[in-house]
Amino acid sequence: MDILNQYVVVLVVGICLSVGYIIKHSLDFIPNRFIPLILGSLGVILNVWLEGWKFNPEILLGGLASGLASTGTFEMVRNMINKEPTVSKEQLVNKEQIVDKE
């Protein structure tokens, strides 16, 4: 994971995070499953632009890592704010039934 840290571009993460937020909350016609694809592609385009329209594997990795890091950052902040359990209601019911039997 430390290797990827050197490729994450904070400016690209910030822009992708903002665009992802807009897509998630304003553009209902785009399914959530396409947001990482969009942000990964946007991250590559932004990183190529920031590097003076040069393209090499490091720039590709930096753009992808930054775009996808913005998706992970959004999910992390959302989970910290909501503090909802990550298990389904069915799993909670099954767990309660197991505890009751003991």
N, C-alpha and C. Protein backbone atom coordinates (compact mmCIF):
# COMPACT_ATOMS: atom_id res chain seq x y z
N MET A 1 0.81 -1.20 0.00
CA MET A 1 0.00 0.00 0.00
C MET A 1 0.86 1.26 0.00
N ASP A 2 2.03 1.19 0.59
CA ASP A 2 2.91 2.35 0.60
C ASP A 2 3.35 2.74 -0.80
N ILE A 3 3.43 1.77 -1.68
CA ILE A 3 3.84 2.05 -3.05
C ILE A 3 2.80 2.93 -3.74
N LEU A 4 1.51 2.67 -3.48
CA LEU A 4 0.46 3.47 -4.11
C LEU A 4 0.42 4.89 -3.57
N ASN A 5 0.84 5.09 -2.33
CA ASN A 5 0.81 6.43 -1.75
C ASN A 5 1.65 7.42 -2.54
N GLN A 6 2.72 6.98 -3.16
CA GLN A 6 3.54 7.89 -3.93
C GLN A 6 2.88 8.29 -5.25
N TYR A 7 1.86 7.57 -5.66
CA TYR A 7 1.19 7.86 -6.93
C TYR A 7 -0.10 8.65 -6.76
N VAL A 8 -0.61 8.78 -5.56
CA VAL A 8 -1.87 9.51 -5.35
C VAL A 8 -1.60 11.01 -5.45
N VAL A 9 -2.34 11.67 -6.33
CA VAL A 9 -2.22 13.11 -6.54
C VAL A 9 -3.39 13.77 -5.83
N VAL A 10 -3.10 14.57 -4.82
CA VAL A 10 -4.14 15.14 -3.96
C VAL A 10 -5.11 16.01 -4.76
N LEU A 11 -4.61 16.80 -5.69
CA LEU A 11 -5.48 17.65 -6.50
C LEU A 11 -6.47 16.83 -7.31
N VAL A 12 -6.00 15.74 -7.89
CA VAL A 12 -6.87 14.86 -8.67
C VAL A 12 -7.89 14.19 -7.76
N VAL A 13 -7.47 13.76 -6.58
CA VAL A 13 -8.41 13.15 -5.63
C VAL A 13 -9.52 14.15 -5.26
N GLY A 14 -9.15 15.39 -5.00
CA GLY A 14 -10.14 16.41 -4.64
C GLY A 14 -11.14 16.68 -5.74
N ILE A 15 -10.65 16.79 -6.97
CA ILE A 15 -11.56 17.04 -8.09
C ILE A 15 -12.47 15.84 -8.32
N CYS A 16 -11.89 14.64 -8.31
CA CYS A 16 -12.70 13.43 -8.51
C CYS A 16 -13.71 13.24 -7.38
N LEU A 17 -13.33 13.56 -6.16
CA LEU A 17 -14.25 13.46 -5.02
C LEU A 17 -15.44 14.38 -5.23
N SER A 18 -15.19 15.59 -5.68
CA SER A 18 -16.28 16.54 -5.93
C SER A 18 -17.18 16.09 -7.06
N VAL A 19 -16.59 15.62 -8.15
CA VAL A 19 -17.39 15.15 -9.29
C VAL A 19 -18.19 13.91 -8.88
N GLY A 20 -17.57 13.01 -8.12
CA GLY A 20 -18.28 11.83 -7.65
C GLY A 20 -19.46 12.17 -6.76
N TYR A 21 -19.29 13.17 -5.91
CA TYR A 21 -20.37 13.61 -5.04
C TYR A 21 -21.54 14.14 -5.88
N ILE A 22 -21.22 14.93 -6.89
CA ILE A 22 -22.26 15.47 -7.76
C ILE A 22 -22.99 14.35 -8.50
N ILE A 23 -22.23 13.40 -9.03
CA ILE A 23 -22.85 12.27 -9.72
C ILE A 23 -23.76 11.49 -8.78
N LYS A 24 -23.27 11.20 -7.59
CA LYS A 24 -24.01 10.37 -6.63
C LYS A 24 -25.32 11.04 -6.19
N HIS A 25 -25.28 12.36 -5.97
CA HIS A 25 -26.43 13.02 -5.38
C HIS A 25 -27.29 13.82 -6.36
N SER A 26 -26.84 13.99 -7.59
CA SER A 26 -27.61 14.82 -8.51
C SER A 26 -28.00 14.11 -9.80
N LEU A 27 -27.23 13.14 -10.23
CA LEU A 27 -27.47 12.50 -11.52
C LEU A 27 -27.98 11.08 -11.29
N ASP A 28 -29.28 10.97 -11.08
CA ASP A 28 -29.89 9.68 -10.76
C ASP A 28 -29.86 8.68 -11.91
N PHE A 29 -29.68 9.15 -13.14
CA PHE A 29 -29.68 8.25 -14.28
C PHE A 29 -28.36 7.48 -14.42
N ILE A 30 -27.34 7.83 -13.64
CA ILE A 30 -26.07 7.10 -13.66
C ILE A 30 -26.07 6.12 -12.49
N PRO A 31 -26.03 4.82 -12.76
CA PRO A 31 -26.00 3.84 -11.67
C PRO A 31 -24.71 3.95 -10.85
N ASN A 32 -24.82 3.64 -9.57
CA ASN A 32 -23.67 3.74 -8.66
C ASN A 32 -22.49 2.87 -9.10
N ARG A 33 -22.76 1.77 -9.76
CA ARG A 33 -21.70 0.86 -10.15
C ARG A 33 -20.77 1.46 -11.19
N PHE A 34 -21.21 2.52 -11.89
CA PHE A 34 -20.37 3.16 -12.90
C PHE A 34 -19.53 4.31 -12.34
N ILE A 35 -19.78 4.73 -11.11
CA ILE A 35 -19.05 5.86 -10.55
C ILE A 35 -17.55 5.57 -10.45
N PRO A 36 -17.09 4.41 -9.96
CA PRO A 36 -15.64 4.17 -9.95
C PRO A 36 -15.02 4.19 -11.34
N LEU A 37 -15.72 3.68 -12.33
CA LEU A 37 -15.23 3.71 -13.71
C LEU A 37 -15.08 5.15 -14.20
N ILE A 38 -16.06 5.96 -13.94
CA ILE A 38 -16.03 7.37 -14.36
C ILE A 38 -14.90 8.10 -13.66
N LEU A 39 -14.77 7.89 -12.35
CA LEU A 39 -13.74 8.61 -11.59
C LEU A 39 -12.33 8.12 -11.92
N GLY A 40 -12.18 6.83 -12.19
CA GLY A 40 -10.88 6.32 -12.61
C GLY A 40 -10.46 6.94 -13.94
N SER A 41 -11.39 7.00 -14.88
CA SER A 41 -11.11 7.61 -16.19
C SER A 41 -10.82 9.10 -16.05
N LEU A 42 -11.63 9.78 -15.26
CA LEU A 42 -11.41 11.21 -15.03
C LEU A 42 -10.06 11.46 -14.36
N GLY A 43 -9.70 10.59 -13.42
CA GLY A 43 -8.40 10.72 -12.75
C GLY A 43 -7.24 10.62 -13.72
N VAL A 44 -7.34 9.70 -14.67
CA VAL A 44 -6.28 9.55 -15.68
C VAL A 44 -6.21 10.80 -16.54
N ILE A 45 -7.36 11.28 -17.00
CA ILE A 45 -7.39 12.48 -17.86
C ILE A 45 -6.81 13.68 -17.11
N LEU A 46 -7.22 13.87 -15.86
CA LEU A 46 -6.71 15.00 -15.08
C LEU A 46 -5.20 14.89 -14.84
N ASN A 47 -4.73 13.68 -14.54
CA ASN A 47 -3.31 13.51 -14.27
C ASN A 47 -2.47 13.73 -15.54
N VAL A 48 -2.98 13.28 -16.68
CA VAL A 48 -2.29 13.53 -17.95
C VAL A 48 -2.23 15.04 -18.21
N TRP A 49 -3.33 15.74 -17.94
CA TRP A 49 -3.38 17.18 -18.13
C TRP A 49 -2.39 17.89 -17.20
N LEU A 50 -2.36 17.48 -15.93
CA LEU A 50 -1.44 18.10 -14.97
C LEU A 50 0.03 17.85 -15.32
N GLU A 51 0.32 16.75 -15.99
CA GLU A 51 1.70 16.42 -16.36
C GLU A 51 2.08 16.96 -17.73
N GLY A 52 1.31 17.90 -18.25
CA GLY A 52 1.65 18.54 -19.52
C GLY A 52 1.35 17.66 -20.72
N TRP A 53 0.29 16.90 -20.66
CA TRP A 53 -0.17 16.01 -21.73
C TRP A 53 0.85 14.93 -22.08
N LYS A 54 1.66 14.56 -21.11
CA LYS A 54 2.56 13.41 -21.28
C LYS A 54 1.82 12.18 -20.78
N PHE A 55 2.20 11.03 -21.31
CA PHE A 55 1.55 9.79 -20.88
C PHE A 55 2.59 8.69 -20.76
N ASN A 56 2.61 8.08 -19.57
CA ASN A 56 3.45 6.91 -19.33
C ASN A 56 2.77 6.07 -18.25
N PRO A 57 3.28 4.88 -17.95
CA PRO A 57 2.61 4.02 -16.96
C PRO A 57 2.48 4.65 -15.58
N GLU A 58 3.44 5.46 -15.17
CA GLU A 58 3.33 6.10 -13.86
C GLU A 58 2.20 7.13 -13.82
N ILE A 59 2.03 7.84 -14.90
CA ILE A 59 0.94 8.81 -14.96
C ILE A 59 -0.41 8.09 -15.01
N LEU A 60 -0.46 6.99 -15.73
CA LEU A 60 -1.68 6.17 -15.76
C LEU A 60 -2.02 5.65 -14.37
N LEU A 61 -1.04 5.09 -13.68
CA LEU A 61 -1.26 4.57 -12.34
C LEU A 61 -1.65 5.67 -11.37
N GLY A 62 -0.99 6.82 -11.48
CA GLY A 62 -1.33 7.95 -10.60
C GLY A 62 -2.75 8.42 -10.80
N GLY A 63 -3.20 8.48 -12.05
CA GLY A 63 -4.58 8.90 -12.31
C GLY A 63 -5.59 7.90 -11.83
N LEU A 64 -5.34 6.62 -12.10
CA LEU A 64 -6.26 5.58 -11.63
C LEU A 64 -6.31 5.52 -10.11
N ALA A 65 -5.13 5.54 -9.48
CA ALA A 65 -5.08 5.47 -8.01
C ALA A 65 -5.79 6.66 -7.38
N SER A 66 -5.61 7.83 -7.96
CA SER A 66 -6.24 9.03 -7.41
C SER A 66 -7.75 9.02 -7.61
N GLY A 67 -8.21 8.63 -8.81
CA GLY A 67 -9.65 8.58 -9.06
C GLY A 67 -10.34 7.56 -8.18
N LEU A 68 -9.72 6.39 -8.03
CA LEU A 68 -10.34 5.36 -7.20
C LEU A 68 -10.20 5.67 -5.71
N ALA A 69 -9.14 6.37 -5.33
CA ALA A 69 -8.98 6.79 -3.93
C ALA A 69 -10.10 7.76 -3.53
N SER A 70 -10.55 8.56 -4.49
CA SER A 70 -11.65 9.48 -4.17
C SER A 70 -12.93 8.70 -3.87
N THR A 71 -13.15 7.58 -4.57
CA THR A 71 -14.31 6.74 -4.29
C THR A 71 -14.22 6.15 -2.89
N GLY A 72 -13.05 5.64 -2.55
CA GLY A 72 -12.85 5.07 -1.21
C GLY A 72 -12.96 6.12 -0.12
N THR A 73 -12.47 7.33 -0.39
CA THR A 73 -12.56 8.41 0.58
C THR A 73 -14.01 8.78 0.84
N PHE A 74 -14.80 8.87 -0.22
CA PHE A 74 -16.22 9.18 -0.06
C PHE A 74 -16.92 8.14 0.80
N GLU A 75 -16.67 6.86 0.51
CA GLU A 75 -17.30 5.78 1.27
C GLU A 75 -16.85 5.80 2.73
N MET A 76 -15.57 6.08 2.98
CA MET A 76 -15.07 6.11 4.35
C MET A 76 -15.74 7.22 5.15
N VAL A 77 -15.83 8.41 4.56
CA VAL A 77 -16.46 9.54 5.26
C VAL A 77 -17.94 9.26 5.47
N ARG A 78 -18.61 8.70 4.46
CA ARG A 78 -20.04 8.39 4.59
C ARG A 78 -20.27 7.40 5.73
N ASN A 79 -19.43 6.38 5.81
CA ASN A 79 -19.58 5.38 6.87
C ASN A 79 -19.27 5.96 8.24
N MET A 80 -18.33 6.88 8.32
CA MET A 80 -18.02 7.50 9.61
C MET A 80 -19.16 8.38 10.08
N ILE A 81 -19.81 9.08 9.15
CA ILE A 81 -20.91 9.98 9.51
C ILE A 81 -22.16 9.18 9.87
N ASN A 82 -22.50 8.19 9.07
CA ASN A 82 -23.74 7.42 9.28
C ASN A 82 -23.63 6.46 10.45
N LYS A 83 -22.49 5.84 10.63
CA LYS A 83 -22.26 4.85 11.68
C LYS A 83 -23.33 3.77 11.71
N GLU A 84 -23.81 3.40 10.52
CA GLU A 84 -24.80 2.34 10.43
C GLU A 84 -24.08 1.00 10.38
N PRO A 85 -24.72 -0.04 10.88
CA PRO A 85 -24.07 -1.35 10.79
C PRO A 85 -23.92 -1.77 9.32
N THR A 86 -22.85 -2.49 9.05
CA THR A 86 -22.59 -2.91 7.67
C THR A 86 -23.20 -4.27 7.36
N VAL A 87 -23.99 -4.81 8.26
CA VAL A 87 -24.64 -6.10 8.02
C VAL A 87 -26.11 -5.85 7.70
N SER A 88 -26.70 -6.77 6.99
CA SER A 88 -28.10 -6.63 6.61
C SER A 88 -29.01 -6.97 7.79
N LYS A 89 -30.28 -6.63 7.65
CA LYS A 89 -31.26 -6.94 8.70
C LYS A 89 -31.39 -8.44 8.89
N GLU A 90 -31.30 -9.19 7.80
CA GLU A 90 -31.39 -10.65 7.90
C GLU A 90 -30.24 -11.21 8.73
N GLN A 91 -29.04 -10.69 8.52
CA GLN A 91 -27.89 -11.15 9.29
C GLN A 91 -28.05 -10.82 10.77
N LEU A 92 -28.60 -9.64 11.05
CA LEU A 92 -28.82 -9.26 12.45
C LEU A 92 -29.85 -10.18 13.10
N VAL A 93 -30.93 -10.52 12.39
CA VAL A 93 -31.95 -11.42 12.92
C VAL A 93 -31.34 -12.79 13.18
N ASN A 94 -30.56 -13.30 12.22
CA ASN A 94 -29.92 -14.60 12.41
C ASN A 94 -28.96 -14.59 13.59
N LYS A 95 -28.24 -13.51 13.77
CA LYS A 95 -27.30 -13.41 14.89
C LYS A 95 -28.06 -13.39 16.22
N GLU A 96 -29.18 -12.65 16.27
CA GLU A 96 -29.98 -12.61 17.48
C GLU A 96 -30.56 -13.98 17.82
N GLN A 97 -30.96 -14.74 16.79
CA GLN A 97 -31.50 -16.08 17.03
C GLN A 97 -30.41 -17.00 17.57
N ILE A 98 -29.20 -16.88 17.08
CA ILE A 98 -28.09 -17.70 17.57
C ILE A 98 -27.77 -17.36 19.00
N VAL A 99 -27.76 -16.05 19.34
CA VAL A 99 -27.47 -15.63 20.71
C VAL A 99 -28.55 -16.12 21.66
N ASP A 100 -29.83 -16.07 21.23
CA ASP A 100 -30.95 -16.52 22.07
C ASP A 100 -30.84 -18.02 22.37
N LYS A 101 -30.33 -18.81 21.45
CA LYS A 101 -30.22 -20.25 21.65
C LYS A 101 -29.13 -20.60 22.66
N GLU A 102 -28.14 -19.75 22.78
CA GLU A 102 -27.05 -20.02 23.74
C GLU A 102 -27.51 -19.67 25.10
